[in-house]
N, C-alpha and C. Protein backbone atom coordinates (compact mmCIF):
# COMPACT_ATOMS: atom_id res chain seq x y z
N MET A 1 11.07 7.79 12.07
CA MET A 1 11.32 6.48 11.52
C MET A 1 9.99 5.83 11.14
N SER A 2 10.00 5.11 10.05
CA SER A 2 8.78 4.49 9.53
C SER A 2 8.28 3.39 10.44
N GLU A 3 6.97 3.25 10.48
CA GLU A 3 6.37 2.18 11.27
C GLU A 3 6.50 0.83 10.57
N LEU A 4 6.45 0.84 9.25
CA LEU A 4 6.65 -0.38 8.47
C LEU A 4 8.07 -0.32 7.94
N ASN A 5 8.96 -1.10 8.53
CA ASN A 5 10.37 -0.97 8.18
C ASN A 5 10.99 -2.24 7.63
N THR A 6 10.18 -3.17 7.13
CA THR A 6 10.72 -4.34 6.46
C THR A 6 10.79 -4.06 4.96
N THR A 7 11.84 -4.49 4.32
CA THR A 7 12.03 -4.25 2.90
C THR A 7 11.36 -5.35 2.10
N PRO A 8 10.47 -4.98 1.16
CA PRO A 8 9.81 -6.00 0.34
C PRO A 8 10.77 -6.58 -0.69
N ASP A 9 10.35 -7.68 -1.29
CA ASP A 9 11.12 -8.24 -2.39
C ASP A 9 11.04 -7.30 -3.57
N PHE A 10 12.09 -7.30 -4.36
CA PHE A 10 12.05 -6.52 -5.61
C PHE A 10 11.76 -7.49 -6.73
N VAL A 11 10.98 -7.18 -7.66
CA VAL A 11 10.39 -5.90 -7.95
C VAL A 11 9.01 -5.83 -7.28
N TYR A 12 8.69 -4.71 -6.65
CA TYR A 12 7.35 -4.49 -6.16
C TYR A 12 6.67 -3.55 -7.14
N GLU A 13 5.36 -3.46 -7.03
CA GLU A 13 4.59 -2.69 -7.99
C GLU A 13 4.20 -1.34 -7.40
N GLU A 14 4.34 -0.30 -8.20
CA GLU A 14 3.96 1.06 -7.80
C GLU A 14 2.99 1.60 -8.84
N VAL A 15 1.85 2.12 -8.39
CA VAL A 15 0.80 2.62 -9.28
C VAL A 15 0.53 4.08 -8.94
N GLN A 16 0.48 4.94 -9.95
CA GLN A 16 0.15 6.36 -9.76
C GLN A 16 -1.32 6.55 -10.10
N THR A 17 -2.09 7.23 -9.24
CA THR A 17 -3.52 7.42 -9.43
C THR A 17 -3.88 8.90 -9.40
N HIS A 18 -4.77 9.29 -10.30
CA HIS A 18 -5.33 10.65 -10.31
C HIS A 18 -6.85 10.53 -10.28
N LYS A 19 -7.52 11.58 -9.87
CA LYS A 19 -8.98 11.59 -9.79
C LYS A 19 -9.50 12.65 -10.76
N THR A 20 -10.19 12.20 -11.80
CA THR A 20 -10.72 13.11 -12.82
C THR A 20 -12.24 13.01 -12.82
N LEU A 21 -12.89 14.15 -12.76
CA LEU A 21 -14.34 14.23 -12.84
C LEU A 21 -14.71 14.51 -14.30
N VAL A 22 -15.53 13.63 -14.90
CA VAL A 22 -15.93 13.78 -16.29
C VAL A 22 -17.42 14.05 -16.34
N THR A 23 -17.79 15.16 -17.01
CA THR A 23 -19.19 15.49 -17.24
C THR A 23 -19.45 15.37 -18.73
N SER A 24 -20.41 14.51 -19.10
CA SER A 24 -20.78 14.33 -20.51
C SER A 24 -22.05 15.11 -20.81
N PHE A 25 -22.02 15.81 -21.96
CA PHE A 25 -23.17 16.61 -22.37
C PHE A 25 -23.92 15.89 -23.49
N GLU A 26 -25.18 16.27 -23.69
CA GLU A 26 -26.02 15.64 -24.70
C GLU A 26 -25.47 15.79 -26.12
N ASN A 27 -24.75 16.88 -26.38
CA ASN A 27 -24.22 17.11 -27.72
C ASN A 27 -22.91 16.34 -27.98
N GLY A 28 -22.48 15.50 -27.00
CA GLY A 28 -21.29 14.68 -27.18
C GLY A 28 -20.01 15.25 -26.60
N TYR A 29 -20.05 16.51 -26.20
CA TYR A 29 -18.86 17.11 -25.59
C TYR A 29 -18.68 16.61 -24.17
N GLU A 30 -17.45 16.65 -23.74
CA GLU A 30 -17.11 16.29 -22.35
C GLU A 30 -16.36 17.42 -21.70
N GLN A 31 -16.58 17.57 -20.42
CA GLN A 31 -15.80 18.51 -19.63
C GLN A 31 -15.07 17.69 -18.58
N ARG A 32 -13.78 17.92 -18.44
CA ARG A 32 -12.97 17.16 -17.48
C ARG A 32 -12.35 18.12 -16.47
N ARG A 33 -12.34 17.65 -15.23
CA ARG A 33 -11.77 18.46 -14.15
C ARG A 33 -10.97 17.56 -13.23
N ASN A 34 -9.77 18.00 -12.91
CA ASN A 34 -8.91 17.26 -11.99
C ASN A 34 -9.35 17.57 -10.56
N LYS A 35 -9.74 16.55 -9.80
CA LYS A 35 -10.25 16.77 -8.44
C LYS A 35 -9.15 16.85 -7.40
N TRP A 36 -7.98 16.32 -7.71
CA TRP A 36 -6.87 16.35 -6.75
C TRP A 36 -5.77 17.25 -7.29
N ALA A 37 -5.12 17.99 -6.39
CA ALA A 37 -4.00 18.84 -6.80
C ALA A 37 -2.81 18.00 -7.25
N SER A 38 -2.64 16.84 -6.63
CA SER A 38 -1.56 15.93 -7.04
C SER A 38 -2.08 14.50 -6.90
N GLY A 39 -1.46 13.61 -7.62
CA GLY A 39 -1.89 12.22 -7.60
C GLY A 39 -1.47 11.50 -6.32
N LEU A 40 -2.03 10.32 -6.15
CA LEU A 40 -1.68 9.46 -5.02
C LEU A 40 -1.09 8.16 -5.56
N LYS A 41 -0.29 7.50 -4.75
CA LYS A 41 0.36 6.27 -5.16
C LYS A 41 -0.22 5.07 -4.43
N GLN A 42 -0.09 3.94 -5.07
CA GLN A 42 -0.41 2.65 -4.47
C GLN A 42 0.84 1.79 -4.59
N PHE A 43 1.09 0.99 -3.60
CA PHE A 43 2.25 0.10 -3.60
C PHE A 43 1.79 -1.32 -3.31
N ILE A 44 2.18 -2.26 -4.14
CA ILE A 44 1.88 -3.67 -3.91
C ILE A 44 3.20 -4.33 -3.51
N LEU A 45 3.26 -4.77 -2.25
CA LEU A 45 4.49 -5.31 -1.69
C LEU A 45 4.39 -6.82 -1.55
N ASP A 46 5.41 -7.50 -2.01
CA ASP A 46 5.50 -8.96 -1.89
C ASP A 46 6.66 -9.32 -0.98
N TYR A 47 6.41 -10.30 -0.14
CA TYR A 47 7.43 -10.84 0.76
C TYR A 47 7.45 -12.35 0.58
N ARG A 48 8.59 -12.90 0.24
CA ARG A 48 8.71 -14.35 0.01
C ARG A 48 9.78 -14.93 0.93
N PHE A 49 9.45 -16.09 1.48
CA PHE A 49 10.36 -16.83 2.36
C PHE A 49 10.93 -15.95 3.46
N ARG A 50 10.01 -15.35 4.22
CA ARG A 50 10.39 -14.47 5.32
C ARG A 50 10.34 -15.23 6.63
N THR A 51 11.12 -14.77 7.58
CA THR A 51 11.24 -15.45 8.87
C THR A 51 9.98 -15.24 9.71
N LYS A 52 9.89 -16.03 10.75
CA LYS A 52 8.76 -15.91 11.67
C LYS A 52 8.74 -14.52 12.31
N THR A 53 9.90 -13.97 12.60
CA THR A 53 9.99 -12.63 13.20
C THR A 53 9.42 -11.57 12.27
N GLU A 54 9.76 -11.63 10.97
CA GLU A 54 9.22 -10.67 10.01
C GLU A 54 7.71 -10.85 9.84
N PHE A 55 7.26 -12.10 9.78
CA PHE A 55 5.82 -12.40 9.69
C PHE A 55 5.09 -11.80 10.88
N GLU A 56 5.60 -12.02 12.09
CA GLU A 56 4.95 -11.51 13.29
C GLU A 56 4.94 -9.98 13.33
N ALA A 57 6.00 -9.35 12.84
CA ALA A 57 6.06 -7.88 12.83
C ALA A 57 4.98 -7.30 11.92
N ILE A 58 4.82 -7.87 10.73
CA ILE A 58 3.79 -7.38 9.80
C ILE A 58 2.40 -7.68 10.35
N ARG A 59 2.20 -8.89 10.85
CA ARG A 59 0.90 -9.27 11.41
C ARG A 59 0.52 -8.36 12.57
N ASP A 60 1.46 -8.10 13.48
CA ASP A 60 1.18 -7.26 14.64
C ASP A 60 0.90 -5.81 14.23
N LEU A 61 1.61 -5.31 13.21
CA LEU A 61 1.35 -3.96 12.72
C LEU A 61 -0.05 -3.89 12.10
N PHE A 62 -0.40 -4.89 11.32
CA PHE A 62 -1.73 -4.93 10.70
C PHE A 62 -2.82 -4.93 11.77
N ILE A 63 -2.63 -5.72 12.82
CA ILE A 63 -3.61 -5.78 13.91
C ILE A 63 -3.68 -4.45 14.65
N SER A 64 -2.52 -3.84 14.92
CA SER A 64 -2.51 -2.58 15.67
C SER A 64 -3.17 -1.44 14.88
N LYS A 65 -3.11 -1.48 13.56
CA LYS A 65 -3.73 -0.45 12.71
C LYS A 65 -5.17 -0.78 12.37
N LYS A 66 -5.67 -1.92 12.87
CA LYS A 66 -7.05 -2.36 12.62
C LYS A 66 -7.32 -2.46 11.12
N GLY A 67 -6.40 -3.12 10.44
CA GLY A 67 -6.53 -3.27 8.99
C GLY A 67 -6.36 -1.94 8.29
N SER A 68 -7.36 -1.55 7.52
CA SER A 68 -7.27 -0.30 6.74
C SER A 68 -7.75 0.93 7.52
N TYR A 69 -8.03 0.77 8.80
CA TYR A 69 -8.62 1.86 9.58
C TYR A 69 -7.65 3.01 9.84
N GLU A 70 -6.45 2.71 10.31
CA GLU A 70 -5.48 3.75 10.67
C GLU A 70 -4.32 3.80 9.69
N ALA A 71 -3.81 5.01 9.49
CA ALA A 71 -2.66 5.21 8.61
C ALA A 71 -1.36 4.87 9.34
N LEU A 72 -0.32 4.66 8.56
CA LEU A 72 1.02 4.39 9.09
C LEU A 72 2.03 5.03 8.16
N THR A 73 3.28 5.03 8.55
CA THR A 73 4.34 5.57 7.70
C THR A 73 5.18 4.44 7.15
N TRP A 74 5.61 4.62 5.90
CA TRP A 74 6.44 3.62 5.21
C TRP A 74 7.43 4.35 4.33
N THR A 75 8.69 3.94 4.38
CA THR A 75 9.72 4.51 3.53
C THR A 75 9.91 3.61 2.31
N ASN A 76 9.68 4.18 1.15
CA ASN A 76 9.85 3.47 -0.11
C ASN A 76 11.35 3.24 -0.34
N PRO A 77 11.80 1.99 -0.42
CA PRO A 77 13.23 1.74 -0.61
C PRO A 77 13.73 2.17 -1.98
N ASN A 78 12.82 2.41 -2.91
CA ASN A 78 13.21 2.80 -4.26
C ASN A 78 13.63 4.27 -4.34
N ASP A 79 12.91 5.15 -3.63
CA ASP A 79 13.23 6.58 -3.69
C ASP A 79 13.56 7.18 -2.33
N SER A 80 13.59 6.36 -1.28
CA SER A 80 13.92 6.78 0.10
C SER A 80 12.97 7.87 0.63
N THR A 81 11.76 7.92 0.11
CA THR A 81 10.76 8.88 0.54
C THR A 81 9.81 8.21 1.53
N GLU A 82 9.50 8.92 2.62
CA GLU A 82 8.55 8.39 3.59
C GLU A 82 7.14 8.82 3.18
N TYR A 83 6.23 7.85 3.11
CA TYR A 83 4.85 8.08 2.71
C TYR A 83 3.91 7.78 3.87
N ASP A 84 2.81 8.53 3.95
CA ASP A 84 1.70 8.20 4.82
C ASP A 84 0.80 7.27 4.01
N VAL A 85 0.60 6.06 4.51
CA VAL A 85 -0.15 5.05 3.78
C VAL A 85 -1.10 4.33 4.74
N ARG A 86 -1.97 3.51 4.16
CA ARG A 86 -2.80 2.61 4.95
C ARG A 86 -2.90 1.31 4.18
N PHE A 87 -3.23 0.24 4.90
CA PHE A 87 -3.47 -1.02 4.23
C PHE A 87 -4.71 -0.87 3.36
N ASP A 88 -4.72 -1.53 2.22
CA ASP A 88 -5.83 -1.44 1.28
C ASP A 88 -7.06 -2.21 1.77
N ALA A 89 -6.86 -3.27 2.51
CA ALA A 89 -7.97 -4.15 2.89
C ALA A 89 -7.99 -4.38 4.40
N ASP A 90 -9.11 -4.92 4.85
CA ASP A 90 -9.25 -5.24 6.27
C ASP A 90 -8.88 -6.69 6.57
N SER A 91 -8.30 -7.36 5.59
CA SER A 91 -7.83 -8.73 5.81
C SER A 91 -6.47 -8.91 5.13
N ILE A 92 -5.72 -9.83 5.66
CA ILE A 92 -4.40 -10.14 5.11
C ILE A 92 -4.17 -11.64 5.32
N SER A 93 -3.52 -12.28 4.38
CA SER A 93 -3.27 -13.72 4.55
C SER A 93 -1.78 -13.99 4.51
N PHE A 94 -1.38 -14.97 5.28
CA PHE A 94 0.01 -15.40 5.37
C PHE A 94 0.07 -16.88 5.04
N LYS A 95 1.05 -17.26 4.24
CA LYS A 95 1.22 -18.67 3.89
C LYS A 95 2.49 -19.19 4.55
N ASN A 96 2.34 -20.26 5.31
CA ASN A 96 3.49 -20.92 5.94
C ASN A 96 4.06 -21.89 4.90
N LYS A 97 5.20 -21.53 4.29
CA LYS A 97 5.77 -22.30 3.19
C LYS A 97 6.67 -23.44 3.67
N ALA A 98 7.28 -23.25 4.80
CA ALA A 98 8.18 -24.25 5.38
C ALA A 98 8.30 -23.89 6.86
N PHE A 99 9.10 -24.65 7.57
CA PHE A 99 9.25 -24.39 9.01
C PHE A 99 9.73 -22.97 9.22
N GLU A 100 8.84 -22.14 9.82
CA GLU A 100 9.11 -20.74 10.16
C GLU A 100 9.51 -19.89 8.96
N LEU A 101 9.00 -20.22 7.76
CA LEU A 101 9.19 -19.40 6.57
C LEU A 101 7.81 -19.09 5.98
N TYR A 102 7.58 -17.81 5.67
CA TYR A 102 6.25 -17.34 5.29
C TYR A 102 6.30 -16.52 4.01
N ASP A 103 5.21 -16.59 3.25
CA ASP A 103 4.97 -15.72 2.10
C ASP A 103 3.74 -14.88 2.40
N PHE A 104 3.79 -13.60 2.03
CA PHE A 104 2.62 -12.74 2.15
C PHE A 104 2.79 -11.53 1.25
N SER A 105 1.69 -10.92 0.89
CA SER A 105 1.72 -9.70 0.10
C SER A 105 0.50 -8.85 0.48
N PHE A 106 0.62 -7.56 0.24
CA PHE A 106 -0.48 -6.65 0.53
C PHE A 106 -0.28 -5.36 -0.24
N LYS A 107 -1.34 -4.56 -0.31
CA LYS A 107 -1.30 -3.29 -1.00
C LYS A 107 -1.39 -2.17 0.01
N LEU A 108 -0.58 -1.14 -0.19
CA LEU A 108 -0.63 0.07 0.61
C LEU A 108 -1.14 1.21 -0.27
N LEU A 109 -2.01 2.05 0.28
CA LEU A 109 -2.54 3.20 -0.42
C LEU A 109 -2.03 4.48 0.24
N GLN A 110 -1.49 5.38 -0.55
CA GLN A 110 -1.04 6.66 -0.01
C GLN A 110 -2.26 7.46 0.42
N VAL A 111 -2.14 8.13 1.56
CA VAL A 111 -3.22 8.98 2.06
C VAL A 111 -2.72 10.41 2.19
N LYS A 112 -3.64 11.33 2.14
CA LYS A 112 -3.28 12.75 2.34
C LYS A 112 -2.97 12.96 3.81
N ALA A 113 -1.87 13.59 4.09
CA ALA A 113 -1.44 13.82 5.48
C ALA A 113 -2.25 14.91 6.12
């Protein structure tokens, strides 16, 4: 079961990333080489008007993973695939919009297992 199990608001953003090494030569030619066998994904998740319980769950998970230090598992609700991911940054902000209602967003980066 995934460690991050709250469903983000739709639509969330999904980005596919590849790593290409480009070598430029003096005569203008380029040589390109794919450094990864397969691409990695990034997910930008938004949560709007969430309860105090959901806010505390995300905050506590972020603290337990030491920000971007440790990986976690997350199931993408769009394709039902479980990914090994980490938080993109070592900081996260939460906005208290009303009594016990919070807005927050963050980016997850897929990591090689």
